[in-house]
Amino acid sequence: FSGVLAADVLRALLELQERLAAVTAWVPEEGREVTLRDVCYAPLNPAAPRLEDCCVNSVTQYFQNNGTRLAMTATQDDGKVTGTVDWRDHLIYCVNSPLSFKDITALELSCMAEYGGP
């Protein structure tokens, strides 16, 4: 993995997404600040969306927009070879099985997005 699929790039992307999610704008007609939560598409909670309910399509959603999950590693033994699995293994699994609630690596992470969808 290299280029845009490097760990440091994914961490920077996650930081940028967090900053963008915190942006507010004053709307004089409303007399209040508007946030992403006010305008986002939240398919699983449209009536009263929380920020984490917003459908933000990003590769970091395979880690539920969580830097700790992105940084996880685990030792995995398949009976023949022992090695370390990390974000790359999880990403490859999720690209092939995006509806999985738990990958088959020793990380055992979900592929579902933070908002609950694929």
PDB file of N, CA and C in Angstrom:
ATOM      1  N   PHE A   1       0.836  -1.179   0.000  1.00  0.00           N
ATOM      2  CA  PHE A   1       0.000   0.000   0.000  1.00  0.00           C
ATOM      3  C   PHE A   1       0.878   1.239   0.000  1.00  0.00           C
ATOM      4  N   SER A   2       0.493   2.218  -0.795  1.00  0.00           N
ATOM      5  CA  SER A   2       1.236   3.474  -0.830  1.00  0.00           C
ATOM      6  C   SER A   2       0.308   4.569  -1.327  1.00  0.00           C
ATOM      7  N   GLY A   3       0.843   5.763  -1.453  1.00  0.00           N
ATOM      8  CA  GLY A   3       0.042   6.875  -1.960  1.00  0.00           C
ATOM      9  C   GLY A   3      -1.113   7.213  -1.034  1.00  0.00           C
ATOM     10  N   VAL A   4      -2.313   7.289  -1.587  1.00  0.00           N
ATOM     11  CA  VAL A   4      -3.479   7.676  -0.784  1.00  0.00           C
ATOM     12  C   VAL A   4      -3.891   6.585   0.189  1.00  0.00           C
ATOM     13  N   LEU A   5      -3.396   5.377   0.009  1.00  0.00           N
ATOM     14  CA  LEU A   5      -3.718   4.301   0.947  1.00  0.00           C
ATOM     15  C   LEU A   5      -2.551   4.022   1.890  1.00  0.00           C
ATOM     16  N   ALA A   6      -1.938   5.072   2.375  1.00  0.00           N
ATOM     17  CA  ALA A   6      -0.893   4.960   3.384  1.00  0.00           C
ATOM     18  C   ALA A   6      -1.503   5.353   4.732  1.00  0.00           C
ATOM     19  N   ALA A   7      -1.005   4.757   5.797  1.00  0.00           N
ATOM     20  CA  ALA A   7      -1.568   5.000   7.128  1.00  0.00           C
ATOM     21  C   ALA A   7      -1.563   6.480   7.491  1.00  0.00           C
ATOM     22  N   ASP A   8      -0.485   7.198   7.196  1.00  0.00           N
ATOM     23  CA  ASP A   8      -0.433   8.622   7.555  1.00  0.00           C
ATOM     24  C   ASP A   8      -1.450   9.436   6.770  1.00  0.00           C
ATOM     25  N   VAL A   9      -1.715   9.054   5.533  1.00  0.00           N
ATOM     26  CA  VAL A   9      -2.724   9.753   4.734  1.00  0.00           C
ATOM     27  C   VAL A   9      -4.117   9.484   5.300  1.00  0.00           C
ATOM     28  N   LEU A  10      -4.379   8.245   5.692  1.00  0.00           N
ATOM     29  CA  LEU A  10      -5.686   7.921   6.275  1.00  0.00           C
ATOM     30  C   LEU A  10      -5.896   8.648   7.598  1.00  0.00           C
ATOM     31  N   ARG A  11      -4.838   8.760   8.410  1.00  0.00           N
ATOM     32  CA  ARG A  11      -4.960   9.516   9.666  1.00  0.00           C
ATOM     33  C   ARG A  11      -5.231  10.992   9.388  1.00  0.00           C
ATOM     34  N   ALA A  12      -4.552  11.556   8.387  1.00  0.00           N
ATOM     35  CA  ALA A  12      -4.780  12.958   8.019  1.00  0.00           C
ATOM     36  C   ALA A  12      -6.204  13.142   7.496  1.00  0.00           C
ATOM     37  N   LEU A  13      -6.683  12.200   6.711  1.00  0.00           N
ATOM     38  CA  LEU A  13      -8.053  12.249   6.206  1.00  0.00           C
ATOM     39  C   LEU A  13      -9.049  12.221   7.359  1.00  0.00           C
ATOM     40  N   LEU A  14      -8.805  11.365   8.324  1.00  0.00           N
ATOM     41  CA  LEU A  14      -9.684  11.283   9.488  1.00  0.00           C
ATOM     42  C   LEU A  14      -9.695  12.590  10.264  1.00  0.00           C
ATOM     43  N   GLU A  15      -8.542  13.207  10.444  1.00  0.00           N
ATOM     44  CA  GLU A  15      -8.471  14.505  11.125  1.00  0.00           C
ATOM     45  C   GLU A  15      -9.234  15.573  10.346  1.00  0.00           C
ATOM     46  N   LEU A  16      -9.075  15.589   9.028  1.00  0.00           N
ATOM     47  CA  LEU A  16      -9.786  16.554   8.188  1.00  0.00           C
ATOM     48  C   LEU A  16     -11.296  16.347   8.293  1.00  0.00           C
ATOM     49  N   GLN A  17     -11.742  15.120   8.253  1.00  0.00           N
ATOM     50  CA  GLN A  17     -13.171  14.831   8.372  1.00  0.00           C
ATOM     51  C   GLN A  17     -13.711  15.313   9.718  1.00  0.00           C
ATOM     52  N   GLU A  18     -12.939  15.115  10.776  1.00  0.00           N
ATOM     53  CA  GLU A  18     -13.373  15.565  12.104  1.00  0.00           C
ATOM     54  C   GLU A  18     -13.483  17.082  12.153  1.00  0.00           C
ATOM     55  N   ARG A  19     -12.532  17.783  11.539  1.00  0.00           N
ATOM     56  CA  ARG A  19     -12.592  19.250  11.503  1.00  0.00           C
ATOM     57  C   ARG A  19     -13.785  19.721  10.680  1.00  0.00           C
ATOM     58  N   LEU A  20     -14.010  19.087   9.531  1.00  0.00           N
ATOM     59  CA  LEU A  20     -15.145  19.477   8.692  1.00  0.00           C
ATOM     60  C   LEU A  20     -16.479  19.196   9.393  1.00  0.00           C
ATOM     61  N   ALA A  21     -16.553  18.094  10.115  1.00  0.00           N
ATOM     62  CA  ALA A  21     -17.787  17.757  10.824  1.00  0.00           C
ATOM     63  C   ALA A  21     -18.108  18.767  11.925  1.00  0.00           C
ATOM     64  N   ALA A  22     -17.090  19.465  12.398  1.00  0.00           N
ATOM     65  CA  ALA A  22     -17.288  20.445  13.469  1.00  0.00           C
ATOM     66  C   ALA A  22     -17.598  21.850  12.949  1.00  0.00           C
ATOM     67  N   VAL A  23     -17.584  22.041  11.640  1.00  0.00           N
ATOM     68  CA  VAL A  23     -17.846  23.361  11.061  1.00  0.00           C
ATOM     69  C   VAL A  23     -19.292  23.774  11.325  1.00  0.00           C
ATOM     70  N   THR A  24     -19.466  25.034  11.643  1.00  0.00           N
ATOM     71  CA  THR A  24     -20.808  25.594  11.813  1.00  0.00           C
ATOM     72  C   THR A  24     -20.937  26.825  10.925  1.00  0.00           C
ATOM     73  N   ALA A  25     -22.172  27.180  10.639  1.00  0.00           N
ATOM     74  CA  ALA A  25     -22.440  28.381   9.840  1.00  0.00           C
ATOM     75  C   ALA A  25     -23.652  29.090  10.430  1.00  0.00           C
ATOM     76  N   TRP A  26     -23.533  30.403  10.570  1.00  0.00           N
ATOM     77  CA  TRP A  26     -24.644  31.199  11.089  1.00  0.00           C
ATOM     78  C   TRP A  26     -25.652  31.424   9.968  1.00  0.00           C
ATOM     79  N   VAL A  27     -26.918  31.140  10.248  1.00  0.00           N
ATOM     80  CA  VAL A  27     -27.986  31.335   9.268  1.00  0.00           C
ATOM     81  C   VAL A  27     -28.927  32.398   9.838  1.00  0.00           C
ATOM     82  N   PRO A  28     -28.833  33.637   9.322  1.00  0.00           N
ATOM     83  CA  PRO A  28     -29.639  34.725   9.873  1.00  0.00           C
ATOM     84  C   PRO A  28     -31.140  34.433   9.835  1.00  0.00           C
ATOM     85  N   GLU A  29     -31.605  33.811   8.751  1.00  0.00           N
ATOM     86  CA  GLU A  29     -33.047  33.510   8.632  1.00  0.00           C
ATOM     87  C   GLU A  29     -33.518  32.553   9.730  1.00  0.00           C
ATOM     88  N   GLU A  30     -32.642  31.702  10.163  1.00  0.00           N
ATOM     89  CA  GLU A  30     -32.971  30.743  11.231  1.00  0.00           C
ATOM     90  C   GLU A  30     -32.672  31.325  12.615  1.00  0.00           C
ATOM     91  N   GLY A  31     -31.787  32.305  12.636  1.00  0.00           N
ATOM     92  CA  GLY A  31     -31.384  32.882  13.912  1.00  0.00           C
ATOM     93  C   GLY A  31     -30.546  31.922  14.739  1.00  0.00           C
ATOM     94  N   ARG A  32     -29.791  31.047  14.054  1.00  0.00           N
ATOM     95  CA  ARG A  32     -28.978  30.060  14.780  1.00  0.00           C
ATOM     96  C   ARG A  32     -27.864  29.537  13.887  1.00  0.00           C
ATOM     97  N   GLU A  33     -26.939  28.842  14.533  1.00  0.00           N
ATOM     98  CA  GLU A  33     -25.886  28.168  13.796  1.00  0.00           C
ATOM     99  C   GLU A  33     -26.395  26.835  13.275  1.00  0.00           C
ATOM    100  N   VAL A  34     -25.965  26.498  12.091  1.00  0.00           N
ATOM    101  CA  VAL A  34     -26.329  25.229  11.475  1.00  0.00           C
ATOM    102  C   VAL A  34     -25.065  24.359  11.433  1.00  0.00           C
ATOM    103  N   THR A  35     -25.244  23.079  11.674  1.00  0.00           N
ATOM    104  CA  THR A  35     -24.126  22.139  11.663  1.00  0.00           C
ATOM    105  C   THR A  35     -24.384  21.045  10.628  1.00  0.00           C
ATOM    106  N   LEU A  36     -23.417  20.190  10.445  1.00  0.00           N
ATOM    107  CA  LEU A  36     -23.571  19.050   9.539  1.00  0.00           C
ATOM    108  C   LEU A  36     -24.806  18.239   9.912  1.00  0.00           C
ATOM    109  N   ARG A  37     -25.040  18.076  11.169  1.00  0.00           N
ATOM    110  CA  ARG A  37     -26.190  17.305  11.653  1.00  0.00           C
ATOM    111  C   ARG A  37     -27.513  17.839  11.108  1.00  0.00           C
ATOM    112  N   ASP A  38     -27.583  19.145  10.893  1.00  0.00           N
ATOM    113  CA  ASP A  38     -28.813  19.770  10.400  1.00  0.00           C
ATOM    114  C   ASP A  38     -29.064  19.511   8.918  1.00  0.00           C
ATOM    115  N   VAL A  39     -28.020  19.196   8.169  1.00  0.00           N
ATOM    116  CA  VAL A  39     -28.167  19.078   6.718  1.00  0.00           C
ATOM    117  C   VAL A  39     -27.750  17.712   6.170  1.00  0.00           C
ATOM    118  N   CYS A  40     -27.311  16.822   7.023  1.00  0.00           N
ATOM    119  CA  CYS A  40     -26.770  15.561   6.528  1.00  0.00           C
ATOM    120  C   CYS A  40     -27.866  14.560   6.166  1.00  0.00           C
ATOM    121  N   TYR A  41     -27.459  13.585   5.385  1.00  0.00           N
ATOM    122  CA  TYR A  41     -28.303  12.444   5.052  1.00  0.00           C
ATOM    123  C   TYR A  41     -28.052  11.387   6.118  1.00  0.00           C
ATOM    124  N   ALA A  42     -29.070  11.074   6.897  1.00  0.00           N
ATOM    125  CA  ALA A  42     -28.962  10.096   7.988  1.00  0.00           C
ATOM    126  C   ALA A  42     -30.028   9.021   7.778  1.00  0.00           C
ATOM    127  N   PRO A  43     -29.756   8.047   6.891  1.00  0.00           N
ATOM    128  CA  PRO A  43     -30.785   7.089   6.505  1.00  0.00           C
ATOM    129  C   PRO A  43     -31.317   6.213   7.635  1.00  0.00           C
ATOM    130  N   LEU A  44     -30.532   5.979   8.675  1.00  0.00           N
ATOM    131  CA  LEU A  44     -30.989   5.095   9.752  1.00  0.00           C
ATOM    132  C   LEU A  44     -31.578   5.850  10.936  1.00  0.00           C
ATOM    133  N   ASN A  45     -31.512   7.174  10.896  1.00  0.00           N
ATOM    134  CA  ASN A  45     -32.104   7.990  11.957  1.00  0.00           C
ATOM    135  C   ASN A  45     -32.472   9.359  11.392  1.00  0.00           C
ATOM    136  N   PRO A  46     -33.377   9.412  10.409  1.00  0.00           N
ATOM    137  CA  PRO A  46     -33.674  10.690   9.749  1.00  0.00           C
ATOM    138  C   PRO A  46     -34.424  11.693  10.629  1.00  0.00           C
ATOM    139  N   ALA A  47     -35.176  11.222  11.615  1.00  0.00           N
ATOM    140  CA  ALA A  47     -35.996  12.130  12.419  1.00  0.00           C
ATOM    141  C   ALA A  47     -35.184  12.960  13.403  1.00  0.00           C
ATOM    142  N   ALA A  48     -34.171  12.368  13.990  1.00  0.00           N
ATOM    143  CA  ALA A  48     -33.374  13.079  14.999  1.00  0.00           C
ATOM    144  C   ALA A  48     -31.917  12.651  14.889  1.00  0.00           C
ATOM    145  N   PRO A  49     -31.255  13.003  13.783  1.00  0.00           N
ATOM    146  CA  PRO A  49     -29.885  12.515  13.580  1.00  0.00           C
ATOM    147  C   PRO A  49     -28.877  13.129  14.543  1.00  0.00           C
ATOM    148  N   ARG A  50     -27.973  12.276  15.001  1.00  0.00           N
ATOM    149  CA  ARG A  50     -26.783  12.723  15.722  1.00  0.00           C
ATOM    150  C   ARG A  50     -25.679  12.813  14.672  1.00  0.00           C
ATOM    151  N   LEU A  51     -24.592  13.459  14.996  1.00  0.00           N
ATOM    152  CA  LEU A  51     -23.507  13.623  14.033  1.00  0.00           C
ATOM    153  C   LEU A  51     -23.022  12.275  13.512  1.00  0.00           C
ATOM    154  N   GLU A  52     -22.906  11.289  14.384  1.00  0.00           N
ATOM    155  CA  GLU A  52     -22.427   9.973  13.960  1.00  0.00           C
ATOM    156  C   GLU A  52     -23.448   9.211  13.116  1.00  0.00           C
ATOM    157  N   ASP A  53     -24.679   9.710  13.009  1.00  0.00           N
ATOM    158  CA  ASP A  53     -25.703   9.103  12.148  1.00  0.00           C
ATOM    159  C   ASP A  53     -25.585   9.566  10.696  1.00  0.00           C
ATOM    160  N   CYS A  54     -24.803  10.618  10.461  1.00  0.00           N
ATOM    161  CA  CYS A  54     -24.672  11.168   9.109  1.00  0.00           C
ATOM    162  C   CYS A  54     -23.895  10.215   8.209  1.00  0.00           C
ATOM    163  N   CYS A  55     -24.413  10.007   7.026  1.00  0.00           N
ATOM    164  CA  CYS A  55     -23.786   9.127   6.050  1.00  0.00           C
ATOM    165  C   CYS A  55     -22.668   9.897   5.352  1.00  0.00           C
ATOM    166  N   VAL A  56     -21.444   9.655   5.794  1.00  0.00           N
ATOM    167  CA  VAL A  56     -20.272  10.275   5.194  1.00  0.00           C
ATOM    168  C   VAL A  56     -19.487   9.149   4.535  1.00  0.00           C
ATOM    169  N   ASN A  57     -19.455   9.131   3.213  1.00  0.00           N
ATOM    170  CA  ASN A  57     -18.774   8.062   2.496  1.00  0.00           C
ATOM    171  C   ASN A  57     -17.283   8.340   2.427  1.00  0.00           C
ATOM    172  N   SER A  58     -16.522   7.476   3.064  1.00  0.00           N
ATOM    173  CA  SER A  58     -15.076   7.627   3.132  1.00  0.00           C
ATOM    174  C   SER A  58     -14.463   6.272   3.454  1.00  0.00           C
ATOM    175  N   VAL A  59     -13.245   6.066   3.025  1.00  0.00           N
ATOM    176  CA  VAL A  59     -12.545   4.818   3.332  1.00  0.00           C
ATOM    177  C   VAL A  59     -12.388   4.649   4.844  1.00  0.00           C
ATOM    178  N   THR A  60     -12.343   5.736   5.587  1.00  0.00           N
ATOM    179  CA  THR A  60     -12.200   5.629   7.047  1.00  0.00           C
ATOM    180  C   THR A  60     -13.448   5.064   7.712  1.00  0.00           C
ATOM    181  N   GLN A  61     -14.558   4.992   6.994  1.00  0.00           N
ATOM    182  CA  GLN A  61     -15.764   4.384   7.550  1.00  0.00           C
ATOM    183  C   GLN A  61     -15.566   2.889   7.795  1.00  0.00           C
ATOM    184  N   TYR A  62     -14.652   2.247   7.078  1.00  0.00           N
ATOM    185  CA  TYR A  62     -14.363   0.834   7.352  1.00  0.00           C
ATOM    186  C   TYR A  62     -13.781   0.652   8.755  1.00  0.00           C
ATOM    187  N   PHE A  63     -13.396   1.762   9.380  1.00  0.00           N
ATOM    188  CA  PHE A  63     -12.869   1.759  10.744  1.00  0.00           C
ATOM    189  C   PHE A  63     -13.785   2.575  11.662  1.00  0.00           C
ATOM    190  N   GLN A  64     -15.006   2.832  11.204  1.00  0.00           N
ATOM    191  CA  GLN A  64     -16.010   3.605  11.921  1.00  0.00           C
ATOM    192  C   GLN A  64     -15.474   4.989  12.298  1.00  0.00           C
ATOM    193  N   ASN A  65     -14.650   5.557  11.423  1.00  0.00           N
ATOM    194  CA  ASN A  65     -14.039   6.874  11.652  1.00  0.00           C
ATOM    195  C   ASN A  65     -13.337   6.948  13.006  1.00  0.00           C
ATOM    196  N   ASN A  66     -12.674   5.867  13.372  1.00  0.00           N
ATOM    197  CA  ASN A  66     -12.054   5.760  14.685  1.00  0.00           C
ATOM    198  C   ASN A  66     -10.556   5.533  14.518  1.00  0.00           C
ATOM    199  N   GLY A  67      -9.748   6.490  14.952  1.00  0.00           N
ATOM    200  CA  GLY A  67      -8.309   6.394  14.815  1.00  0.00           C
ATOM    201  C   GLY A  67      -7.697   5.238  15.578  1.00  0.00           C
ATOM    202  N   THR A  68      -8.288   4.880  16.705  1.00  0.00           N
ATOM    203  CA  THR A  68      -7.784   3.749  17.485  1.00  0.00           C
ATOM    204  C   THR A  68      -7.946   2.450  16.702  1.00  0.00           C
ATOM    205  N   ARG A  69      -9.092   2.282  16.049  1.00  0.00           N
ATOM    206  CA  ARG A  69      -9.303   1.085  15.235  1.00  0.00           C
ATOM    207  C   ARG A  69      -8.372   1.067  14.033  1.00  0.00           C
ATOM    208  N   LEU A  70      -8.141   2.218  13.441  1.00  0.00           N
ATOM    209  CA  LEU A  70      -7.226   2.318  12.299  1.00  0.00           C
ATOM    210  C   LEU A  70      -5.806   1.905  12.697  1.00  0.00           C
ATOM    211  N   ALA A  71      -5.404   2.181  13.916  1.00  0.00           N
ATOM    212  CA  ALA A  71      -4.055   1.888  14.392  1.00  0.00           C
ATOM    213  C   ALA A  71      -3.891   0.477  14.964  1.00  0.00           C
ATOM    214  N   MET A  72      -4.967  -0.275  15.090  1.00  0.00           N
ATOM    215  CA  MET A  72      -4.892  -1.602  15.704  1.00  0.00           C
ATOM    216  C   MET A  72      -4.024  -2.573  14.910  1.00  0.00           C
ATOM    217  N   THR A  73      -3.365  -3.442  15.651  1.00  0.00           N
ATOM    218  CA  THR A  73      -2.660  -4.579  15.075  1.00  0.00           C
ATOM    219  C   THR A  73      -2.978  -5.787  15.942  1.00  0.00           C
ATOM    220  N   ALA A  74      -2.815  -6.978  15.382  1.00  0.00           N
ATOM    221  CA  ALA A  74      -3.053  -8.206  16.143  1.00  0.00           C
ATOM    222  C   ALA A  74      -2.195  -9.313  15.551  1.00  0.00           C
ATOM    223  N   THR A  75      -1.821 -10.252  16.395  1.00  0.00           N
ATOM    224  CA  THR A  75      -1.085 -11.419  15.935  1.00  0.00           C
ATOM    225  C   THR A  75      -2.086 -12.445  15.453  1.00  0.00           C
ATOM    226  N   GLN A  76      -1.830 -12.993  14.287  1.00  0.00           N
ATOM    227  CA  GLN A  76      -2.742 -13.985  13.712  1.00  0.00           C
ATOM    228  C   GLN A  76      -1.951 -15.215  13.297  1.00  0.00           C
ATOM    229  N   ASP A  77      -2.492 -16.379  13.650  1.00  0.00           N
ATOM    230  CA  ASP A  77      -1.872 -17.654  13.310  1.00  0.00           C
ATOM    231  C   ASP A  77      -2.883 -18.472  12.533  1.00  0.00           C
ATOM    232  N   ASP A  78      -2.536 -18.840  11.317  1.00  0.00           N
ATOM    233  CA  ASP A  78      -3.468 -19.635  10.509  1.00  0.00           C
ATOM    234  C   ASP A  78      -3.141 -21.130  10.558  1.00  0.00           C
ATOM    235  N   GLY A  79      -2.276 -21.532  11.482  1.00  0.00           N
ATOM    236  CA  GLY A  79      -1.889 -22.922  11.604  1.00  0.00           C
ATOM    237  C   GLY A  79      -0.589 -23.239  10.889  1.00  0.00           C
ATOM    238  N   LYS A  80      -0.231 -22.414   9.939  1.00  0.00           N
ATOM    239  CA  LYS A  80       1.012 -22.606   9.181  1.00  0.00           C
ATOM    240  C   LYS A  80       1.977 -21.447   9.394  1.00  0.00           C
ATOM    241  N   VAL A  81       1.426 -20.255   9.393  1.00  0.00           N
ATOM    242  CA  VAL A  81       2.238 -19.042   9.484  1.00  0.00           C
ATOM    243  C   VAL A  81       1.652 -18.135  10.563  1.00  0.00           C
ATOM    244  N   THR A  82       2.530 -17.531  11.349  1.00  0.00           N
ATOM    245  CA  THR A  82       2.119 -16.529  12.332  1.00  0.00           C
ATOM    246  C   THR A  82       2.601 -15.177  11.838  1.00  0.00           C
ATOM    247  N   GLY A  83       1.707 -14.196  11.867  1.00  0.00           N
ATOM    248  CA  GLY A  83       2.067 -12.863  11.409  1.00  0.00           C
ATOM    249  C   GLY A  83       1.236 -11.809  12.096  1.00  0.00           C
ATOM    250  N   THR A  84       1.440 -10.591  11.684  1.00  0.00           N
ATOM    251  CA  THR A  84       0.703  -9.466  12.248  1.00  0.00           C
ATOM    252  C   THR A  84      -0.280  -8.952  11.210  1.00  0.00           C
ATOM    253  N   VAL A  85      -1.511  -8.739  11.635  1.00  0.00           N
ATOM    254  CA  VAL A  85      -2.520  -8.135  10.768  1.00  0.00           C
ATOM    255  C   VAL A  85      -2.748  -6.708  11.231  1.00  0.00           C
ATOM    256  N   ASP A  86      -3.120  -5.847  10.274  1.00  0.00           N
ATOM    257  CA  ASP A  86      -3.351  -4.446  10.599  1.00  0.00           C
ATOM    258  C   ASP A  86      -4.435  -3.872   9.694  1.00  0.00           C
ATOM    259  N   TRP A  87      -4.451  -2.556   9.575  1.00  0.00           N
ATOM    260  CA  TRP A  87      -5.496  -1.861   8.824  1.00  0.00           C
ATOM    261  C   TRP A  87      -5.568  -2.336   7.380  1.00  0.00           C
ATOM    262  N   ARG A  88      -4.435  -2.716   6.798  1.00  0.00           N
ATOM    263  CA  ARG A  88      -4.426  -3.161   5.395  1.00  0.00           C
ATOM    264  C   ARG A  88      -5.256  -4.436   5.221  1.00  0.00           C
ATOM    265  N   ASP A  89      -5.059  -5.381   6.145  1.00  0.00           N
ATOM    266  CA  ASP A  89      -5.797  -6.646   6.069  1.00  0.00           C
ATOM    267  C   ASP A  89      -7.296  -6.410   6.247  1.00  0.00           C
ATOM    268  N   HIS A  90      -7.627  -5.529   7.183  1.00  0.00           N
ATOM    269  CA  HIS A  90      -9.036  -5.213   7.414  1.00  0.00           C
ATOM    270  C   HIS A  90      -9.641  -4.533   6.184  1.00  0.00           C
ATOM    271  N   LEU A  91      -8.916  -3.603   5.598  1.00  0.00           N
ATOM    272  CA  LEU A  91      -9.410  -2.898   4.419  1.00  0.00           C
ATOM    273  C   LEU A  91      -9.637  -3.856   3.253  1.00  0.00           C
ATOM    274  N   ILE A  92      -8.685  -4.739   2.997  1.00  0.00           N
ATOM    275  CA  ILE A  92      -8.839  -5.713   1.908  1.00  0.00           C
ATOM    276  C   ILE A  92     -10.071  -6.580   2.149  1.00  0.00           C
ATOM    277  N   TYR A  93     -10.245  -7.020   3.398  1.00  0.00           N
ATOM    278  CA  TYR A  93     -11.417  -7.841   3.713  1.00  0.00           C
ATOM    279  C   TYR A  93     -12.704  -7.062   3.457  1.00  0.00           C
ATOM    280  N   CYS A  94     -12.765  -5.833   3.931  1.00  0.00           N
ATOM    281  CA  CYS A  94     -13.997  -5.041   3.814  1.00  0.00           C
ATOM    282  C   CYS A  94     -14.334  -4.667   2.375  1.00  0.00           C
ATOM    283  N   VAL A  95     -13.324  -4.416   1.567  1.00  0.00           N
ATOM    284  CA  VAL A  95     -13.583  -4.103   0.162  1.00  0.00           C
ATOM    285  C   VAL A  95     -14.275  -5.294  -0.511  1.00  0.00           C
ATOM    286  N   ASN A  96     -13.922  -6.489  -0.087  1.00  0.00           N
ATOM    287  CA  ASN A  96     -14.517  -7.701  -0.653  1.00  0.00           C
ATOM    288  C   ASN A  96     -15.800  -8.141   0.046  1.00  0.00           C
ATOM    289  N   SER A  97     -16.001  -7.716   1.300  1.00  0.00           N
ATOM    290  CA  SER A  97     -17.184  -8.098   2.071  1.00  0.00           C
ATOM    291  C   SER A  97     -17.714  -6.897   2.858  1.00  0.00           C
ATOM    292  N   PRO A  98     -18.201  -5.864   2.179  1.00  0.00           N
ATOM    293  CA  PRO A  98     -18.567  -4.616   2.863  1.00  0.00           C
ATOM    294  C   PRO A  98     -19.727  -4.730   3.843  1.00  0.00           C
ATOM    295  N   LEU A  99     -20.507  -5.787   3.784  1.00  0.00           N
ATOM    296  CA  LEU A  99     -21.647  -5.933   4.691  1.00  0.00           C
ATOM    297  C   LEU A  99     -21.316  -6.747   5.940  1.00  0.00           C
ATOM    298  N   SER A 100     -20.044  -7.046   6.148  1.00  0.00           N
ATOM    299  CA  SER A 100     -19.636  -7.880   7.273  1.00  0.00           C
ATOM    300  C   SER A 100     -19.657  -7.101   8.587  1.00  0.00           C
ATOM    301  N   PHE A 101     -20.177  -7.748   9.619  1.00  0.00           N
ATOM    302  CA  PHE A 101     -20.174  -7.142  10.952  1.00  0.00           C
ATOM    303  C   PHE A 101     -18.905  -7.499  11.720  1.00  0.00           C
ATOM    304  N   LYS A 102     -18.105  -8.447  11.195  1.00  0.00           N
ATOM    305  CA  LYS A 102     -16.841  -8.804  11.835  1.00  0.00           C
ATOM    306  C   LYS A 102     -15.947  -9.443  10.783  1.00  0.00           C
ATOM    307  N   ASP A 103     -14.757  -8.866  10.606  1.00  0.00           N
ATOM    308  CA  ASP A 103     -13.861  -9.448   9.611  1.00  0.00           C
ATOM    309  C   ASP A 103     -13.285 -10.772  10.119  1.00  0.00           C
ATOM    310  N   ILE A 104     -12.604 -11.500   9.244  1.00  0.00           N
ATOM    311  CA  ILE A 104     -12.066 -12.809   9.628  1.00  0.00           C
ATOM    312  C   ILE A 104     -10.618 -12.723  10.093  1.00  0.00           C
ATOM    313  N   THR A 105     -10.106 -11.512  10.264  1.00  0.00           N
ATOM    314  CA  THR A 105      -8.759 -11.354  10.804  1.00  0.00           C
ATOM    315  C   THR A 105      -8.828 -11.395  12.326  1.00  0.00           C
ATOM    316  N   ALA A 106      -7.668 -11.449  12.947  1.00  0.00           N
ATOM    317  CA  ALA A 106      -7.601 -11.424  14.407  1.00  0.00           C
ATOM    318  C   ALA A 106      -8.055 -10.081  14.974  1.00  0.00           C
ATOM    319  N   LEU A 107      -8.187  -9.061  14.122  1.00  0.00           N
ATOM    320  CA  LEU A 107      -8.687  -7.762  14.580  1.00  0.00           C
ATOM    321  C   LEU A 107     -10.163  -7.843  14.943  1.00  0.00           C
ATOM    322  N   GLU A 108     -10.916  -8.655  14.196  1.00  0.00           N
ATOM    323  CA  GLU A 108     -12.359  -8.844  14.400  1.00  0.00           C
ATOM    324  C   GLU A 108     -13.133  -7.535  14.402  1.00  0.00           C
ATOM    325  N   LEU A 109     -12.804  -6.667  13.446  1.00  0.00           N
ATOM    326  CA  LEU A 109     -13.489  -5.380  13.321  1.00  0.00           C
ATOM    327  C   LEU A 109     -14.656  -5.471  12.360  1.00  0.00           C
ATOM    328  N   SER A 110     -15.628  -4.624  12.543  1.00  0.00           N
ATOM    329  CA  SER A 110     -16.769  -4.521  11.635  1.00  0.00           C
ATOM    330  C   SER A 110     -16.382  -3.734  10.406  1.00  0.00           C
ATOM    331  N   CYS A 111     -17.012  -4.058   9.295  1.00  0.00           N
ATOM    332  CA  CYS A 111     -16.834  -3.294   8.065  1.00  0.00           C
ATOM    333  C   CYS A 111     -17.915  -2.230   7.919  1.00  0.00           C
ATOM    334  N   MET A 112     -18.913  -2.272   8.763  1.00  0.00           N
ATOM    335  CA  MET A 112     -20.027  -1.334   8.669  1.00  0.00           C
ATOM    336  C   MET A 112     -19.569   0.054   9.106  1.00  0.00           C
ATOM    337  N   ALA A 113     -20.150   1.059   8.487  1.00  0.00           N
ATOM    338  CA  ALA A 113     -19.793   2.446   8.765  1.00  0.00           C
ATOM    339  C   ALA A 113     -20.289   2.882  10.142  1.00  0.00           C
ATOM    340  N   GLU A 114     -19.770   3.996  10.603  1.00  0.00           N
ATOM    341  CA  GLU A 114     -20.157   4.550  11.900  1.00  0.00           C
ATOM    342  C   GLU A 114     -21.672   4.749  11.989  1.00  0.00           C
ATOM    343  N   TYR A 115     -22.304   5.161  10.887  1.00  0.00           N
ATOM    344  CA  TYR A 115     -23.738   5.421  10.917  1.00  0.00           C
ATOM    345  C   TYR A 115     -24.569   4.133  10.850  1.00  0.00           C
ATOM    346  N   GLY A 116     -23.919   2.987  10.689  1.00  0.00           N
ATOM    347  CA  GLY A 116     -24.619   1.710  10.726  1.00  0.00           C
ATOM    348  C   GLY A 116     -24.847   1.046   9.382  1.00  0.00           C
ATOM    349  N   GLY A 117     -24.575   1.747   8.302  1.00  0.00           N
ATOM    350  CA  GLY A 117     -24.758   1.178   6.974  1.00  0.00           C
ATOM    351  C   GLY A 117     -23.453   0.679   6.388  1.00  0.00           C
ATOM    352  N   PRO A 118     -23.540   0.122   5.186  1.00  0.00           N
ATOM    353  CA  PRO A 118     -22.313  -0.385   4.537  1.00  0.00           C
ATOM    354  C   PRO A 118     -21.459   0.745   3.957  1.00  0.00           C
TER     355      PRO A 118
END
